[in-house]
Amino acid sequence: MIVLPAIDLKDGRCVRLLRGDFATVHQVADDPVETASIFAAAGAKQIHMVDLDGAKDGTRKNAEIVQRVASETGLKIELGGGIRCMADLEAVFALGVHRAVIGSAAVSDPDFVAEAVKTYGERIAVGVDALDGEVKTAGWVAGSGLNYLDFAKQMEALGVQTLIFTDIATDGALSGPSMERLKVLKAAVSCRITASGGVANNQDIRDLRDAQMDAAIIGKAFYAGTIDLALAVKEAGEQC
């Protein structure tokens, strides 16, 4: 299982939110590049980054930081936030990003997802962000009326190979992953599943690994000091 430590960017700062609520934003590290280097030193090979400015209003403001992380750390970057058209994908990949995450646009414009997958293949992932089973959009503030399983199956039919599932109720709460929903999702589609939200400690990583999740994102647990990242990477297995 791949371990992806996370860096969320807002106005050039490395921040965290609680359950996606922008009113809870707070800075958790001084330098995103230095933070990414710490991840690499712990054995991580990939990193999950979110441009929160892009996620909320569609204007990505943190491209320079993303480019520096890519060029200075050698980590493979998975980036989401504000990716809504093919031009956005071209711009993101020009920064050195390995995989782009399509979020809200996958709900509103599935034709874009189909074109993206046709052009970039496995370098495209789709975020399945749900609260009480309903997919949320626009930085998790707007409802879609879509059940997360139905949406996942729709994305699978378009050729998406990687889904990043976030149960919003657990995100940033250090309450443990949404294991039951993750297991149901894993059984429902053939896509690779990345678990996001709720990871609090090393036992959570072992549980996700044993449930055969393909990847897990570690966010607040690292910044709060409740997880040993190097141990998590080691116990997760080969990081390819």
Protein backbone atom coordinates (compact mmCIF):
# COMPACT_ATOMS: atom_id res chain seq x y z
CA MET A 1 0.00 0.00 0.00
CA ILE A 2 1.29 3.42 -0.96
CA VAL A 3 1.51 6.00 1.82
CA LEU A 4 0.95 9.57 0.69
CA PRO A 5 1.70 12.24 3.28
CA ALA A 6 -0.36 15.34 2.58
CA ILE A 7 0.30 19.04 2.17
CA ASP A 8 -2.68 21.36 1.80
CA LEU A 9 -1.84 24.80 0.44
CA LYS A 10 -3.72 28.04 0.97
CA ASP A 11 -2.26 31.44 0.12
CA GLY A 12 1.16 29.83 -0.08
CA ARG A 13 0.94 28.38 3.43
CA CYS A 14 0.94 24.76 4.55
CA VAL A 15 -2.40 24.40 6.39
CA ARG A 16 -5.01 21.95 7.62
CA LEU A 17 -8.79 22.10 7.87
CA LEU A 18 -11.28 20.19 9.99
CA ARG A 19 -13.85 18.35 7.86
CA GLY A 20 -13.14 20.70 4.98
CA ASP A 21 -14.42 23.77 6.83
CA PHE A 22 -12.43 26.81 5.69
CA ALA A 23 -13.31 28.57 8.94
CA THR A 24 -11.00 26.10 10.71
CA VAL A 25 -7.95 26.75 8.54
CA HIS A 26 -4.70 26.93 10.48
CA GLN A 27 -1.05 26.80 9.53
CA VAL A 28 0.72 23.57 10.45
CA ALA A 29 4.21 24.01 8.96
CA ASP A 30 6.45 26.86 7.88
CA ASP A 31 7.83 25.65 4.56
CA PRO A 32 6.03 23.23 2.23
CA VAL A 33 9.27 22.24 0.49
CA GLU A 34 10.98 21.51 3.80
CA THR A 35 7.94 19.54 4.94
CA ALA A 36 8.00 17.47 1.75
CA SER A 37 11.69 16.79 2.31
CA ILE A 38 10.86 15.41 5.76
CA PHE A 39 8.34 13.09 4.11
CA ALA A 40 11.00 11.89 1.68
CA ALA A 41 13.47 11.31 4.50
CA ALA A 42 10.87 9.08 6.19
CA GLY A 43 10.76 6.89 3.08
CA ALA A 44 7.74 8.29 1.25
CA LYS A 45 7.99 8.21 -2.52
CA GLN A 46 4.74 10.01 -3.30
CA ILE A 47 2.95 12.99 -1.80
CA HIS A 48 -0.64 14.22 -1.94
CA MET A 49 -1.04 17.97 -2.38
CA VAL A 50 -4.21 20.06 -2.49
CA ASP A 51 -4.46 23.63 -3.70
CA LEU A 52 -7.27 24.79 -1.41
CA ASP A 53 -7.55 28.11 -3.20
CA GLY A 54 -8.27 26.22 -6.39
CA ALA A 55 -10.68 23.85 -4.69
CA LYS A 56 -12.76 26.66 -3.26
CA ASP A 57 -12.89 29.24 -6.04
CA GLY A 58 -11.16 27.64 -9.02
CA THR A 59 -8.13 29.94 -8.94
CA ARG A 60 -4.93 28.02 -8.31
CA LYS A 61 -2.46 30.27 -6.48
CA ASN A 62 0.23 27.83 -5.40
CA ALA A 63 1.78 26.63 -8.65
CA GLU A 64 5.26 27.89 -7.80
CA ILE A 65 5.32 25.93 -4.54
CA VAL A 66 4.13 22.76 -6.25
CA GLN A 67 6.83 23.13 -8.89
CA ARG A 68 9.51 23.62 -6.21
CA VAL A 69 8.40 20.52 -4.33
CA ALA A 70 8.56 18.49 -7.52
CA SER A 71 11.97 19.76 -8.58
CA GLU A 72 13.68 19.90 -5.17
CA THR A 73 12.45 16.69 -3.49
CA GLY A 74 12.08 14.15 -6.28
CA LEU A 75 8.74 13.02 -4.83
CA LYS A 76 5.93 12.02 -7.15
CA ILE A 77 3.20 14.60 -6.62
CA GLU A 78 -0.51 13.92 -6.74
CA LEU A 79 -2.27 17.29 -6.96
CA GLY A 80 -5.89 18.29 -6.63
CA GLY A 81 -7.80 21.56 -6.36
CA GLY A 82 -9.32 23.66 -9.13
CA ILE A 83 -8.64 21.28 -12.03
CA ARG A 84 -11.64 21.83 -14.27
CA CYS A 85 -10.55 21.65 -17.91
CA MET A 86 -7.88 20.25 -20.21
CA ALA A 87 -5.91 23.50 -20.04
CA ASP A 88 -5.75 23.13 -16.26
CA LEU A 89 -4.35 19.62 -16.67
CA GLU A 90 -1.72 20.82 -19.11
CA ALA A 91 -0.67 23.54 -16.69
CA VAL A 92 -0.51 21.13 -13.74
CA PHE A 93 1.53 18.53 -15.56
CA ALA A 94 3.91 21.24 -16.75
CA LEU A 95 4.77 21.82 -13.07
CA GLY A 96 6.12 18.30 -12.81
CA VAL A 97 3.04 16.76 -11.22
CA HIS A 98 2.77 12.98 -11.55
CA ARG A 99 -1.01 12.58 -11.10
CA ALA A 100 -3.85 15.08 -11.24
CA VAL A 101 -6.98 14.73 -9.12
CA ILE A 102 -10.26 15.87 -10.64
CA GLY A 103 -12.82 16.71 -7.97
CA SER A 104 -15.89 18.88 -8.47
CA ALA A 105 -15.52 18.90 -12.26
CA ALA A 106 -15.96 15.14 -12.36
CA VAL A 107 -19.50 15.64 -11.07
CA SER A 108 -20.43 18.59 -13.26
CA ASP A 109 -18.56 17.59 -16.42
CA PRO A 110 -18.02 13.83 -16.84
CA ASP A 111 -17.12 14.43 -20.49
CA PHE A 112 -14.03 16.26 -19.24
CA VAL A 113 -13.07 13.19 -17.21
CA ALA A 114 -13.49 10.97 -20.25
CA GLU A 115 -11.27 13.24 -22.34
CA ALA A 116 -8.70 13.50 -19.56
CA VAL A 117 -8.49 9.73 -19.17
CA LYS A 118 -8.23 9.27 -22.92
CA THR A 119 -5.32 11.73 -23.03
CA TYR A 120 -3.47 11.00 -19.79
CA GLY A 121 -4.59 7.51 -18.73
CA GLU A 122 -3.55 6.46 -15.24
CA ARG A 123 -2.18 9.94 -14.49
CA ILE A 124 -5.78 10.95 -13.78
CA ALA A 125 -7.48 10.28 -10.45
CA VAL A 126 -10.96 11.30 -9.34
CA GLY A 127 -11.83 12.46 -5.86
CA VAL A 128 -14.92 10.91 -4.31
CA ASP A 129 -15.66 13.27 -1.42
CA ALA A 130 -18.76 12.27 0.49
CA LEU A 131 -20.73 13.21 3.59
CA ASP A 132 -23.28 10.66 4.79
CA GLY A 133 -22.77 8.89 1.47
CA GLU A 134 -23.57 11.95 -0.70
CA VAL A 135 -20.86 13.31 -2.99
CA LYS A 136 -19.97 16.93 -2.19
CA THR A 137 -18.42 19.52 -4.52
CA ALA A 138 -17.01 23.08 -4.55
CA GLY A 139 -14.61 22.55 -1.68
CA TRP A 140 -17.12 20.21 0.01
CA VAL A 141 -19.72 22.95 0.54
CA ALA A 142 -22.24 21.97 -2.18
CA GLY A 143 -24.36 18.85 -2.38
CA SER A 144 -24.64 16.84 -5.60
CA GLY A 145 -27.47 14.42 -4.86
CA LEU A 146 -25.19 11.58 -5.98
CA ASN A 147 -24.52 8.48 -3.91
CA TYR A 148 -20.79 7.85 -3.63
CA LEU A 149 -21.05 4.28 -4.96
CA ASP A 150 -23.09 5.29 -7.99
CA PHE A 151 -20.62 8.07 -8.72
CA ALA A 152 -17.65 5.73 -8.34
CA LYS A 153 -19.18 3.27 -10.79
CA GLN A 154 -19.81 6.10 -13.25
CA MET A 155 -16.15 7.10 -13.05
CA GLU A 156 -15.03 3.50 -13.47
CA ALA A 157 -17.13 3.28 -16.63
CA LEU A 158 -15.28 6.31 -18.00
CA GLY A 159 -11.96 4.52 -17.56
CA VAL A 160 -10.77 6.12 -14.32
CA GLN A 161 -8.25 3.82 -12.65
CA THR A 162 -7.73 5.59 -9.32
CA LEU A 163 -10.38 6.90 -6.92
CA ILE A 164 -9.55 8.89 -3.79
CA PHE A 165 -12.33 8.40 -1.26
CA THR A 166 -12.75 10.92 1.53
CA ASP A 167 -15.45 10.56 4.13
CA ILE A 168 -15.74 14.24 5.02
CA ALA A 169 -17.01 13.44 8.51
CA THR A 170 -13.61 11.94 9.36
CA ASP A 171 -11.30 14.38 7.60
CA GLY A 172 -8.91 16.06 9.99
CA ALA A 173 -10.75 14.56 12.97
CA LEU A 174 -8.18 11.90 13.92
CA SER A 175 -11.14 9.57 14.47
CA GLY A 176 -10.05 6.66 12.28
CA PRO A 177 -10.80 5.96 8.61
CA SER A 178 -14.30 5.20 7.35
CA MET A 179 -13.49 1.50 7.08
CA GLU A 180 -16.96 0.16 6.24
CA ARG A 181 -17.58 2.60 3.41
CA LEU A 182 -14.07 1.99 2.10
CA LYS A 183 -14.59 -1.77 2.09
CA VAL A 184 -17.94 -1.43 0.31
CA LEU A 185 -16.35 0.84 -2.28
CA LYS A 186 -13.40 -1.52 -2.77
CA ALA A 187 -15.82 -4.36 -3.46
CA ALA A 188 -18.01 -2.30 -5.80
CA VAL A 189 -15.40 -1.19 -8.35
CA SER A 190 -12.15 -2.45 -9.85
CA CYS A 191 -10.40 0.92 -9.50
CA ARG A 192 -7.45 1.46 -7.19
CA ILE A 193 -8.76 2.97 -3.96
CA THR A 194 -6.91 5.61 -1.96
CA ALA A 195 -8.24 6.08 1.56
CA SER A 196 -8.33 9.68 2.73
CA GLY A 197 -9.54 11.15 5.99
CA GLY A 198 -9.43 10.05 9.61
CA VAL A 199 -6.04 8.34 9.79
CA ALA A 200 -4.87 8.93 13.36
CA ASN A 201 -2.16 6.41 14.13
CA ASN A 202 -0.09 3.51 12.87
CA GLN A 203 -2.81 0.96 13.63
CA ASP A 204 -5.06 2.77 11.14
CA ILE A 205 -2.41 2.28 8.47
CA ARG A 206 -2.15 -1.42 9.30
CA ASP A 207 -5.96 -1.73 9.15
CA LEU A 208 -6.12 -0.05 5.74
CA ARG A 209 -3.30 -2.25 4.46
CA ASP A 210 -5.03 -5.39 5.73
CA ALA A 211 -8.28 -4.24 4.07
CA GLN A 212 -6.31 -4.18 0.79
CA MET A 213 -6.59 -0.48 0.16
CA ASP A 214 -4.17 0.56 -2.56
CA ALA A 215 -3.03 3.79 -0.91
CA ALA A 216 -3.61 5.90 2.18
CA ILE A 217 -3.26 9.62 2.73
CA ILE A 218 -1.76 10.84 6.01
CA GLY A 219 -2.57 14.43 6.89
CA LYS A 220 -3.29 15.81 10.33
CA ALA A 221 -1.85 12.76 12.12
CA PHE A 222 1.62 13.70 10.95
CA TYR A 223 1.33 17.34 11.99
CA ALA A 224 -0.25 16.42 15.33
CA GLY A 225 2.52 13.91 16.03
CA THR A 226 0.16 10.97 16.53
CA ILE A 227 1.73 8.77 13.84
CA ASP A 228 5.24 7.54 13.12
CA LEU A 229 5.52 8.24 9.39
CA ALA A 230 8.66 6.16 8.83
CA LEU A 231 7.02 3.18 10.53
CA ALA A 232 3.82 3.70 8.54
CA VAL A 233 5.78 3.64 5.29
CA LYS A 234 7.68 0.53 6.38
CA GLU A 235 4.58 -1.37 7.46
CA ALA A 236 2.56 -0.36 4.41
CA GLY A 237 4.98 -2.21 2.13
CA GLU A 238 6.74 -1.39 -1.10
CA GLN A 239 6.33 2.24 -2.17
CA CYS A 240 6.37 2.12 -5.96
